C-alpha atoms as a PDB file:
ATOM      1  CA  UNK A   1      60.157 -92.469 -30.668  1.00  0.00           C
ATOM      2  CA  UNK A   2      62.853 -91.833 -32.656  1.00  0.00           C
ATOM      3  CA  UNK A   3      62.565 -88.089 -32.532  1.00  0.00           C
ATOM      4  CA  UNK A   4      62.731 -88.276 -28.213  1.00  0.00           C
ATOM      5  CA  UNK A   5      65.726 -90.831 -28.823  1.00  0.00           C
ATOM      6  CA  UNK A   6      67.406 -88.752 -31.092  1.00  0.00           C
ATOM      7  CA  UNK A   7      67.099 -85.435 -29.420  1.00  0.00           C
ATOM      8  CA  UNK A   8      68.418 -87.240 -25.908  1.00  0.00           C
ATOM      9  CA  UNK A   9      71.253 -88.385 -27.472  1.00  0.00           C
ATOM     10  CA  UNK A  10      71.748 -84.718 -29.059  1.00  0.00           C
ATOM     11  CA  UNK A  11      71.632 -83.977 -25.341  1.00  0.00           C
ATOM     12  CA  UNK A  12      73.515 -86.447 -23.556  1.00  0.00           C
ATOM     13  CA  UNK A  13      76.788 -85.471 -26.268  1.00  0.00           C
ATOM     14  CA  UNK A  14      76.542 -81.802 -25.028  1.00  0.00           C
ATOM     15  CA  UNK A  15      76.348 -83.028 -21.543  1.00  0.00           C
ATOM     16  CA  UNK A  16      79.903 -84.015 -22.546  1.00  0.00           C
ATOM     17  CA  UNK A  17      81.053 -80.919 -23.587  1.00  0.00           C
ATOM     18  CA  UNK A  18      80.871 -79.435 -19.857  1.00  0.00           C
ATOM     19  CA  UNK A  19      83.146 -81.619 -19.308  1.00  0.00           C
ATOM     20  CA  UNK A  20      85.706 -80.165 -22.473  1.00  0.00           C
ATOM     21  CA  UNK A  21      85.916 -77.257 -24.265  1.00  0.00           C
ATOM     22  CA  UNK A  22      81.753 -76.244 -24.118  1.00  0.00           C
ATOM     23  CA  UNK A  23      81.758 -74.702 -27.189  1.00  0.00           C
ATOM     24  CA  UNK A  24      79.015 -76.793 -28.351  1.00  0.00           C
ATOM     25  CA  UNK A  25      76.580 -76.816 -24.982  1.00  0.00           C
ATOM     26  CA  UNK A  26      74.856 -73.170 -25.799  1.00  0.00           C
ATOM     27  CA  UNK A  27      71.213 -72.685 -26.752  1.00  0.00           C
ATOM     28  CA  UNK A  28      71.658 -71.477 -29.858  1.00  0.00           C
ATOM     29  CA  UNK A  29      73.401 -74.070 -31.178  1.00  0.00           C
ATOM     30  CA  UNK A  30      71.765 -77.268 -29.453  1.00  0.00           C
ATOM     31  CA  UNK A  31      67.821 -75.965 -30.516  1.00  0.00           C
ATOM     32  CA  UNK A  32      69.424 -75.627 -33.881  1.00  0.00           C
ATOM     33  CA  UNK A  33      70.077 -78.829 -33.944  1.00  0.00           C
ATOM     34  CA  UNK A  34      67.105 -80.045 -32.334  1.00  0.00           C
ATOM     35  CA  UNK A  35      64.973 -78.297 -34.951  1.00  0.00           C
ATOM     36  CA  UNK A  36      67.002 -80.381 -37.840  1.00  0.00           C
ATOM     37  CA  UNK A  37      66.392 -83.616 -36.265  1.00  0.00           C
ATOM     38  CA  UNK A  38      62.870 -82.928 -35.407  1.00  0.00           C
ATOM     39  CA  UNK A  39      62.571 -81.322 -39.292  1.00  0.00           C
ATOM     40  CA  UNK A  40      61.823 -77.731 -38.256  1.00  0.00           C
ATOM     41  CA  UNK A  41      65.249 -75.880 -38.192  1.00  0.00           C
ATOM     42  CA  UNK A  42      63.197 -72.492 -38.739  1.00  0.00           C
ATOM     43  CA  UNK A  43      61.331 -73.042 -35.445  1.00  0.00           C
ATOM     44  CA  UNK A  44      64.900 -74.416 -33.810  1.00  0.00           C
ATOM     45  CA  UNK A  45      66.651 -71.359 -34.750  1.00  0.00           C
ATOM     46  CA  UNK A  46      63.935 -69.225 -33.559  1.00  0.00           C
ATOM     47  CA  UNK A  47      63.824 -70.924 -30.518  1.00  0.00           C
ATOM     48  CA  UNK A  48      67.533 -71.398 -29.968  1.00  0.00           C
ATOM     49  CA  UNK A  49      67.934 -67.360 -30.219  1.00  0.00           C
ATOM     50  CA  UNK A  50      65.450 -66.749 -27.666  1.00  0.00           C
ATOM     51  CA  UNK A  51      66.808 -69.364 -25.498  1.00  0.00           C
ATOM     52  CA  UNK A  52      70.141 -67.839 -25.809  1.00  0.00           C
ATOM     53  CA  UNK A  53      69.456 -63.984 -25.185  1.00  0.00           C
ATOM     54  CA  UNK A  54      66.966 -64.923 -21.967  1.00  0.00           C
ATOM     55  CA  UNK A  55      70.177 -67.121 -20.341  1.00  0.00           C
ATOM     56  CA  UNK A  56      73.497 -65.124 -21.889  1.00  0.00           C
ATOM     57  CA  UNK A  57      74.812 -64.716 -18.801  1.00  0.00           C
ATOM     58  CA  UNK A  58      74.209 -67.349 -17.151  1.00  0.00           C
ATOM     59  CA  UNK A  59      77.235 -70.001 -15.978  1.00  0.00           C
ATOM     60  CA  UNK A  60      79.395 -72.193 -13.920  1.00  0.00           C
ATOM     61  CA  UNK A  61      81.155 -69.613 -11.454  1.00  0.00           C
ATOM     62  CA  UNK A  62      83.743 -72.052  -9.200  1.00  0.00           C
ATOM     63  CA  UNK A  63      81.343 -74.673  -8.005  1.00  0.00           C
ATOM     64  CA  UNK A  64      78.511 -73.501  -8.383  1.00  0.00           C
ATOM     65  CA  UNK A  65      76.083 -75.324 -10.782  1.00  0.00           C
ATOM     66  CA  UNK A  66      73.463 -72.742 -12.765  1.00  0.00           C
ATOM     67  CA  UNK A  67      70.390 -73.976 -13.810  1.00  0.00           C
ATOM     68  CA  UNK A  68      71.146 -76.745 -16.498  1.00  0.00           C
ATOM     69  CA  UNK A  69      70.912 -75.235 -20.589  1.00  0.00           C
ATOM     70  CA  UNK A  70      71.649 -78.191 -21.729  1.00  0.00           C
ATOM     71  CA  UNK A  71      68.129 -79.847 -20.732  1.00  0.00           C
ATOM     72  CA  UNK A  72      66.167 -76.993 -20.980  1.00  0.00           C
ATOM     73  CA  UNK A  73      66.870 -75.969 -24.285  1.00  0.00           C
ATOM     74  CA  UNK A  74      66.562 -79.365 -25.760  1.00  0.00           C
ATOM     75  CA  UNK A  75      63.409 -80.199 -24.181  1.00  0.00           C
ATOM     76  CA  UNK A  76      62.462 -76.954 -24.557  1.00  0.00           C
ATOM     77  CA  UNK A  77      62.775 -76.607 -28.204  1.00  0.00           C
ATOM     78  CA  UNK A  78      61.372 -80.092 -28.686  1.00  0.00           C
ATOM     79  CA  UNK A  79      58.135 -79.645 -27.267  1.00  0.00           C
ATOM     80  CA  UNK A  80      57.938 -76.514 -28.013  1.00  0.00           C
ATOM     81  CA  UNK A  81      57.872 -77.478 -32.165  1.00  0.00           C
ATOM     82  CA  UNK A  82      55.958 -79.964 -30.962  1.00  0.00           C
ATOM     83  CA  UNK A  83      53.284 -77.680 -29.625  1.00  0.00           C
ATOM     84  CA  UNK A  84      54.010 -74.746 -32.709  1.00  0.00           C
ATOM     85  CA  UNK A  85      55.181 -71.731 -30.098  1.00  0.00           C
ATOM     86  CA  UNK A  86      58.676 -70.328 -28.797  1.00  0.00           C
ATOM     87  CA  UNK A  87      56.396 -69.262 -25.879  1.00  0.00           C
ATOM     88  CA  UNK A  88      55.598 -72.735 -25.029  1.00  0.00           C
ATOM     89  CA  UNK A  89      59.543 -73.661 -25.468  1.00  0.00           C
ATOM     90  CA  UNK A  90      60.289 -71.032 -22.832  1.00  0.00           C
ATOM     91  CA  UNK A  91      57.843 -72.006 -20.218  1.00  0.00           C
ATOM     92  CA  UNK A  92      58.606 -75.132 -20.634  1.00  0.00           C
ATOM     93  CA  UNK A  93      62.832 -74.660 -20.634  1.00  0.00           C
ATOM     94  CA  UNK A  94      62.621 -72.898 -17.492  1.00  0.00           C
ATOM     95  CA  UNK A  95      61.410 -75.433 -15.024  1.00  0.00           C
ATOM     96  CA  UNK A  96      63.012 -78.314 -16.863  1.00  0.00           C
ATOM     97  CA  UNK A  97      66.821 -76.723 -16.795  1.00  0.00           C
ATOM     98  CA  UNK A  98      65.651 -76.190 -12.627  1.00  0.00           C
ATOM     99  CA  UNK A  99      65.117 -79.950 -12.286  1.00  0.00           C
ATOM    100  CA  UNK A 100      68.358 -80.812 -13.981  1.00  0.00           C
ATOM    101  CA  UNK A 101      69.918 -78.481 -11.924  1.00  0.00           C
ATOM    102  CA  UNK A 102      68.804 -79.959  -8.569  1.00  0.00           C
ATOM    103  CA  UNK A 103      70.524 -83.309 -10.249  1.00  0.00           C
ATOM    104  CA  UNK A 104      73.220 -81.926 -11.397  1.00  0.00           C
ATOM    105  CA  UNK A 105      74.308 -80.862  -7.690  1.00  0.00           C
ATOM    106  CA  UNK A 106      73.694 -84.377  -6.476  1.00  0.00           C
ATOM    107  CA  UNK A 107      75.504 -85.577  -9.188  1.00  0.00           C
ATOM    108  CA  UNK A 108      79.005 -82.953  -8.228  1.00  0.00           C
ATOM    109  CA  UNK A 109      78.407 -83.953  -4.784  1.00  0.00           C
ATOM    110  CA  UNK A 110      78.991 -87.684  -5.225  1.00  0.00           C
ATOM    111  CA  UNK A 111      81.734 -87.573  -7.800  1.00  0.00           C
ATOM    112  CA  UNK A 112      84.145 -86.428  -5.168  1.00  0.00           C
ATOM    113  CA  UNK A 113      83.931 -90.046  -3.643  1.00  0.00           C
ATOM    114  CA  UNK A 114      85.967 -90.844  -6.778  1.00  0.00           C
ATOM    115  CA  UNK A 115      88.637 -88.389  -5.888  1.00  0.00           C
ATOM    116  CA  UNK A 116      90.708 -90.968  -2.939  1.00  0.00           C
ATOM    117  CA  UNK A 117      89.844 -93.518  -5.752  1.00  0.00           C
ATOM    118  CA  UNK A 118      92.046 -92.052  -8.212  1.00  0.00           C
ATOM    119  CA  UNK A 119      94.980 -91.000  -5.870  1.00  0.00           C
ATOM    120  CA  UNK A 120      95.355 -94.841  -4.769  1.00  0.00           C
ATOM    121  CA  UNK A 121      95.189 -95.743  -8.274  1.00  0.00           C
ATOM    122  CA  UNK A 122      97.397 -92.771  -8.922  1.00  0.00           C
ATOM    123  CA  UNK A 123     100.089 -93.977  -5.996  1.00  0.00           C
ATOM    124  CA  UNK A 124     100.776 -97.205  -7.626  1.00  0.00           C
ATOM    125  CA  UNK A 125     101.747 -95.970 -11.564  1.00  0.00           C
ATOM    126  CA  UNK A 126      98.822 -97.298 -13.520  1.00  0.00           C
ATOM    127  CA  UNK A 127      97.301 -93.863 -15.486  1.00  0.00           C
ATOM    128  CA  UNK A 128      95.552 -95.874 -17.974  1.00  0.00           C
ATOM    129  CA  UNK A 129      93.657 -96.885 -14.698  1.00  0.00           C
ATOM    130  CA  UNK A 130      92.762 -93.196 -13.491  1.00  0.00           C
ATOM    131  CA  UNK A 131      92.157 -92.239 -17.056  1.00  0.00           C
ATOM    132  CA  UNK A 132      89.186 -95.221 -17.122  1.00  0.00           C
ATOM    133  CA  UNK A 133      88.218 -94.041 -13.767  1.00  0.00           C
ATOM    134  CA  UNK A 134      86.758 -90.555 -15.896  1.00  0.00           C
ATOM    135  CA  UNK A 135      84.569 -92.321 -17.572  1.00  0.00           C
ATOM    136  CA  UNK A 136      82.109 -92.920 -14.349  1.00  0.00           C
ATOM    137  CA  UNK A 137      81.538 -89.333 -14.667  1.00  0.00           C
ATOM    138  CA  UNK A 138      81.620 -88.839 -18.434  1.00  0.00           C
ATOM    139  CA  UNK A 139      78.640 -91.697 -18.351  1.00  0.00           C
ATOM    140  CA  UNK A 140      76.717 -90.020 -15.314  1.00  0.00           C
ATOM    141  CA  UNK A 141      76.672 -86.536 -16.799  1.00  0.00           C
ATOM    142  CA  UNK A 142      75.722 -88.281 -19.913  1.00  0.00           C
ATOM    143  CA  UNK A 143      72.508 -90.047 -18.252  1.00  0.00           C
ATOM    144  CA  UNK A 144      71.365 -87.113 -16.442  1.00  0.00           C
ATOM    145  CA  UNK A 145      71.020 -85.047 -20.006  1.00  0.00           C
ATOM    146  CA  UNK A 146      69.881 -88.227 -21.915  1.00  0.00           C
ATOM    147  CA  UNK A 147      67.504 -89.968 -19.664  1.00  0.00           C
ATOM    148  CA  UNK A 148      65.125 -86.674 -18.604  1.00  0.00           C
ATOM    149  CA  UNK A 149      65.282 -85.286 -21.789  1.00  0.00           C
ATOM    150  CA  UNK A 150      63.548 -88.670 -23.670  1.00  0.00           C
ATOM    151  CA  UNK A 151      61.095 -88.863 -21.040  1.00  0.00           C
ATOM    152  CA  UNK A 152      60.075 -85.451 -21.163  1.00  0.00           C
ATOM    153  CA  UNK A 153      59.848 -85.384 -25.336  1.00  0.00           C
ATOM    154  CA  UNK A 154      58.499 -88.637 -25.707  1.00  0.00           C
ATOM    155  CA  UNK A 155      55.460 -88.667 -22.997  1.00  0.00           C
ATOM    156  CA  UNK A 156      54.975 -84.671 -23.553  1.00  0.00           C
ATOM    157  CA  UNK A 157      55.036 -81.543 -20.787  1.00  0.00           C
ATOM    158  CA  UNK A 158      53.330 -83.969 -18.082  1.00  0.00           C
ATOM    159  CA  UNK A 159      55.893 -85.681 -17.384  1.00  0.00           C
ATOM    160  CA  UNK A 160      58.364 -83.130 -16.466  1.00  0.00           C
ATOM    161  CA  UNK A 161      55.123 -81.402 -14.049  1.00  0.00           C
ATOM    162  CA  UNK A 162      54.838 -85.113 -12.689  1.00  0.00           C
ATOM    163  CA  UNK A 163      58.185 -85.831 -11.659  1.00  0.00           C
ATOM    164  CA  UNK A 164      58.379 -81.629  -9.870  1.00  0.00           C
ATOM    165  CA  UNK A 165      54.973 -82.497  -7.807  1.00  0.00           C
ATOM    166  CA  UNK A 166      55.757 -85.892  -6.984  1.00  0.00           C
ATOM    167  CA  UNK A 167      59.328 -84.956  -5.534  1.00  0.00           C
ATOM    168  CA  UNK A 168      59.114 -84.440  -1.514  1.00  0.00           C
ATOM    169  CA  UNK A 169      58.667 -80.624  -0.271  1.00  0.00           C
ATOM    170  CA  UNK A 170      62.245 -81.753   1.891  1.00  0.00           C
ATOM    171  CA  UNK A 171      63.890 -82.969  -0.867  1.00  0.00           C
ATOM    172  CA  UNK A 172      63.433 -79.464  -2.766  1.00  0.00           C
ATOM    173  CA  UNK A 173      64.020 -77.805   0.294  1.00  0.00           C
ATOM    174  CA  UNK A 174      67.125 -78.897   0.640  1.00  0.00           C
ATOM    175  CA  UNK A 175      68.494 -78.733  -2.395  1.00  0.00           C
ATOM    176  CA  UNK A 176      67.460 -74.860  -2.569  1.00  0.00           C
ATOM    177  CA  UNK A 177      69.000 -74.210   0.331  1.00  0.00           C
ATOM    178  CA  UNK A 178      72.775 -76.073  -1.109  1.00  0.00           C
ATOM    179  CA  UNK A 179      71.698 -74.445  -4.349  1.00  0.00           C
ATOM    180  CA  UNK A 180      72.023 -71.222  -2.367  1.00  0.00           C
ATOM    181  CA  UNK A 181      74.839 -71.821  -0.925  1.00  0.00           C
ATOM    182  CA  UNK A 182      76.906 -73.347  -3.455  1.00  0.00           C
ATOM    183  CA  UNK A 183      77.158 -69.831  -5.324  1.00  0.00           C
ATOM    184  CA  UNK A 184      78.905 -68.245  -2.652  1.00  0.00           C
ATOM    185  CA  UNK A 185      81.687 -71.173  -2.015  1.00  0.00           C
ATOM    186  CA  UNK A 186      82.393 -70.805  -6.030  1.00  0.00           C
ATOM    187  CA  UNK A 187      82.923 -67.156  -6.258  1.00  0.00           C
ATOM    188  CA  UNK A 188      84.883 -67.383  -3.165  1.00  0.00           C
ATOM    189  CA  UNK A 189      87.283 -70.134  -4.497  1.00  0.00           C
ATOM    190  CA  UNK A 190      87.189 -68.453  -7.656  1.00  0.00           C
ATOM    191  CA  UNK A 191      88.968 -65.186  -6.097  1.00  0.00           C
ATOM    192  CA  UNK A 192      90.921 -67.088  -3.923  1.00  0.00           C
ATOM    193  CA  UNK A 193      93.164 -68.258  -7.076  1.00  0.00           C
ATOM    194  CA  UNK A 194      92.514 -64.802  -9.076  1.00  0.00           C
ATOM    195  CA  UNK A 195      93.143 -62.125  -6.134  1.00  0.00           C
ATOM    196  CA  UNK A 196      96.881 -63.002  -5.505  1.00  0.00           C
ATOM    197  CA  UNK A 197      97.815 -59.292  -6.004  1.00  0.00           C
ATOM    198  CA  UNK A 198      95.930 -56.169  -3.775  1.00  0.00           C
ATOM    199  CA  UNK A 199      95.658 -54.083  -6.714  1.00  0.00           C
ATOM    200  CA  UNK A 200      93.237 -56.456  -8.440  1.00  0.00           C
ATOM    201  CA  UNK A 201      90.998 -56.029  -5.711  1.00  0.00           C
ATOM    202  CA  UNK A 202      90.366 -52.427  -6.627  1.00  0.00           C
ATOM    203  CA  UNK A 203      88.910 -54.062  -9.795  1.00  0.00           C
ATOM    204  CA  UNK A 204      86.441 -56.392  -7.938  1.00  0.00           C
ATOM    205  CA  UNK A 205      85.124 -53.139  -5.962  1.00  0.00           C
ATOM    206  CA  UNK A 206      84.735 -51.148  -9.570  1.00  0.00           C
ATOM    207  CA  UNK A 207      82.926 -54.236 -10.858  1.00  0.00           C
ATOM    208  CA  UNK A 208      80.746 -54.857  -7.593  1.00  0.00           C
ATOM    209  CA  UNK A 209      80.046 -50.654  -7.286  1.00  0.00           C
ATOM    210  CA  UNK A 210      78.736 -50.695 -11.163  1.00  0.00           C
ATOM    211  CA  UNK A 211      76.654 -54.034 -10.639  1.00  0.00           C
ATOM    212  CA  UNK A 212      74.765 -53.519  -7.530  1.00  0.00           C
ATOM    213  CA  UNK A 213      74.611 -49.354  -7.521  1.00  0.00           C
ATOM    214  CA  UNK A 214      74.739 -48.721 -10.640  1.00  0.00           C
ATOM    215  CA  UNK A 215      72.154 -51.173 -11.484  1.00  0.00           C
ATOM    216  CA  UNK A 216      74.325 -52.337 -14.670  1.00  0.00           C
ATOM    217  CA  UNK A 217      73.647 -55.754 -16.069  1.00  0.00           C
ATOM    218  CA  UNK A 218      76.425 -57.758 -17.212  1.00  0.00           C
ATOM    219  CA  UNK A 219      76.886 -56.754 -20.758  1.00  0.00           C
ATOM    220  CA  UNK A 220      77.772 -53.166 -20.259  1.00  0.00           C
ATOM    221  CA  UNK A 221      80.046 -54.134 -16.746  1.00  0.00           C
ATOM    222  CA  UNK A 222      82.144 -56.393 -19.175  1.00  0.00           C
ATOM    223  CA  UNK A 223      82.684 -52.950 -21.483  1.00  0.00           C
ATOM    224  CA  UNK A 224      83.584 -51.014 -18.788  1.00  0.00           C
ATOM    225  CA  UNK A 225      85.909 -53.784 -17.695  1.00  0.00           C
ATOM    226  CA  UNK A 226      87.361 -54.320 -21.045  1.00  0.00           C
ATOM    227  CA  UNK A 227      89.620 -50.913 -21.522  1.00  0.00           C
ATOM    228  CA  UNK A 228      90.594 -51.209 -17.636  1.00  0.00           C
ATOM    229  CA  UNK A 229      92.056 -54.084 -18.031  1.00  0.00           C
ATOM    230  CA  UNK A 230      93.452 -53.416 -21.245  1.00  0.00           C
ATOM    231  CA  UNK A 231      95.413 -50.491 -19.546  1.00  0.00           C
ATOM    232  CA  UNK A 232      96.393 -52.007 -16.580  1.00  0.00           C
ATOM    233  CA  UNK A 233      97.700 -55.442 -18.818  1.00  0.00           C
ATOM    234  CA  UNK A 234      99.904 -52.672 -21.121  1.00  0.00           C
ATOM    235  CA  UNK A 235     101.254 -50.509 -17.724  1.00  0.00           C
ATOM    236  CA  UNK A 236     102.361 -54.286 -16.283  1.00  0.00           C
ATOM    237  CA  UNK A 237     104.071 -55.224 -19.349  1.00  0.00           C
ATOM    238  CA  UNK A 238     105.771 -52.058 -19.172  1.00  0.00           C
ATOM    239  CA  UNK A 239     106.435 -52.318 -15.591  1.00  0.00           C
ATOM    240  CA  UNK A 240     108.093 -56.241 -16.199  1.00  0.00           C
ATOM    241  CA  UNK A 241     110.137 -54.857 -19.462  1.00  0.00           C
ATOM    242  CA  UNK A 242     111.516 -51.547 -17.879  1.00  0.00           C
ATOM    243  CA  UNK A 243     112.335 -54.214 -14.654  1.00  0.00           C
ATOM    244  CA  UNK A 244     113.945 -56.893 -16.686  1.00  0.00           C
ATOM    245  CA  UNK A 245     115.985 -53.758 -18.988  1.00  0.00           C
ATOM    246  CA  UNK A 246     117.341 -52.484 -14.956  1.00  0.00           C
ATOM    247  CA  UNK A 247     118.287 -55.800 -14.094  1.00  0.00           C
ATOM    248  CA  UNK A 248     120.158 -56.505 -17.492  1.00  0.00           C
ATOM    249  CA  UNK A 249     122.086 -53.256 -17.403  1.00  0.00           C
ATOM    250  CA  UNK A 250     122.884 -54.048 -13.974  1.00  0.00           C
ATOM    251  CA  UNK A 251     124.099 -57.346 -14.413  1.00  0.00           C
ATOM    252  CA  UNK A 252     126.259 -55.951 -17.902  1.00  0.00           C
ATOM    253  CA  UNK A 253     127.764 -53.235 -14.965  1.00  0.00           C
ATOM    254  CA  UNK A 254     128.834 -56.286 -13.052  1.00  0.00           C
ATOM    255  CA  UNK A 255     130.290 -58.567 -15.280  1.00  0.00           C
ATOM    256  CA  UNK A 256     132.482 -55.309 -16.185  1.00  0.00           C
ATOM    257  CA  UNK A 257     133.306 -54.776 -13.295  1.00  0.00           C
ATOM    258  CA  UNK A 258     134.508 -58.040 -12.669  1.00  0.00           C
ATOM    259  CA  UNK A 259     136.660 -57.853 -15.555  1.00  0.00           C
ATOM    260  CA  UNK A 260     138.747 -54.685 -15.038  1.00  0.00           C
ATOM    261  CA  UNK A 261     139.369 -56.832 -11.859  1.00  0.00           C
END
């Protein structure tokens, strides 16, 4: 009971990091703390390192809700330590993260109704109340991670399978369809924010070619794009500096002409 409470509270705290800097929500740190809470730091680190490598490229992009690393890492590590194996932790972490992903889709679809409420409150100038409304999504995101984690750790792996099997097929199908559409929406929104200049499409096409046609993973694409980004940034800064110097020289010449007149 105590272990289940401690692990669930830690999962809830990591969930709050989704609304902040997102520095403690990685599997390596989550699993290490879970291992420490359960008295087996060594296995916690081993499981965390395994899950970190497995989920290294997973993250939220735009409106896309990725498989929940927090619930998967916390539940998988706790049950893996209790069952005595990294393989068990990985086997339980994947379905748990996918189940929590569906809960996050429902959560993020529901909290949008807070936006018009906050708009009306902001028009009154009561910004303290606007700040207090933020406690609602914070509480919900805490509970979405803490409650399933407590139930899974307390009742064991059978609780996860029972919940998944109890969900109607239509519900799972609808959530799967929504989860498939949201990535496209998220990437589209991200592109609208980033593709302000026409030349940036060249980098997008290059990355698409490297990933799709050359079958490169995230790491080599990142290493290839890093020097390209540095060269582009350096060239942009040099061009802007030359433009500023030209405008400054032109301004000086105009001032001298006005002085001569």
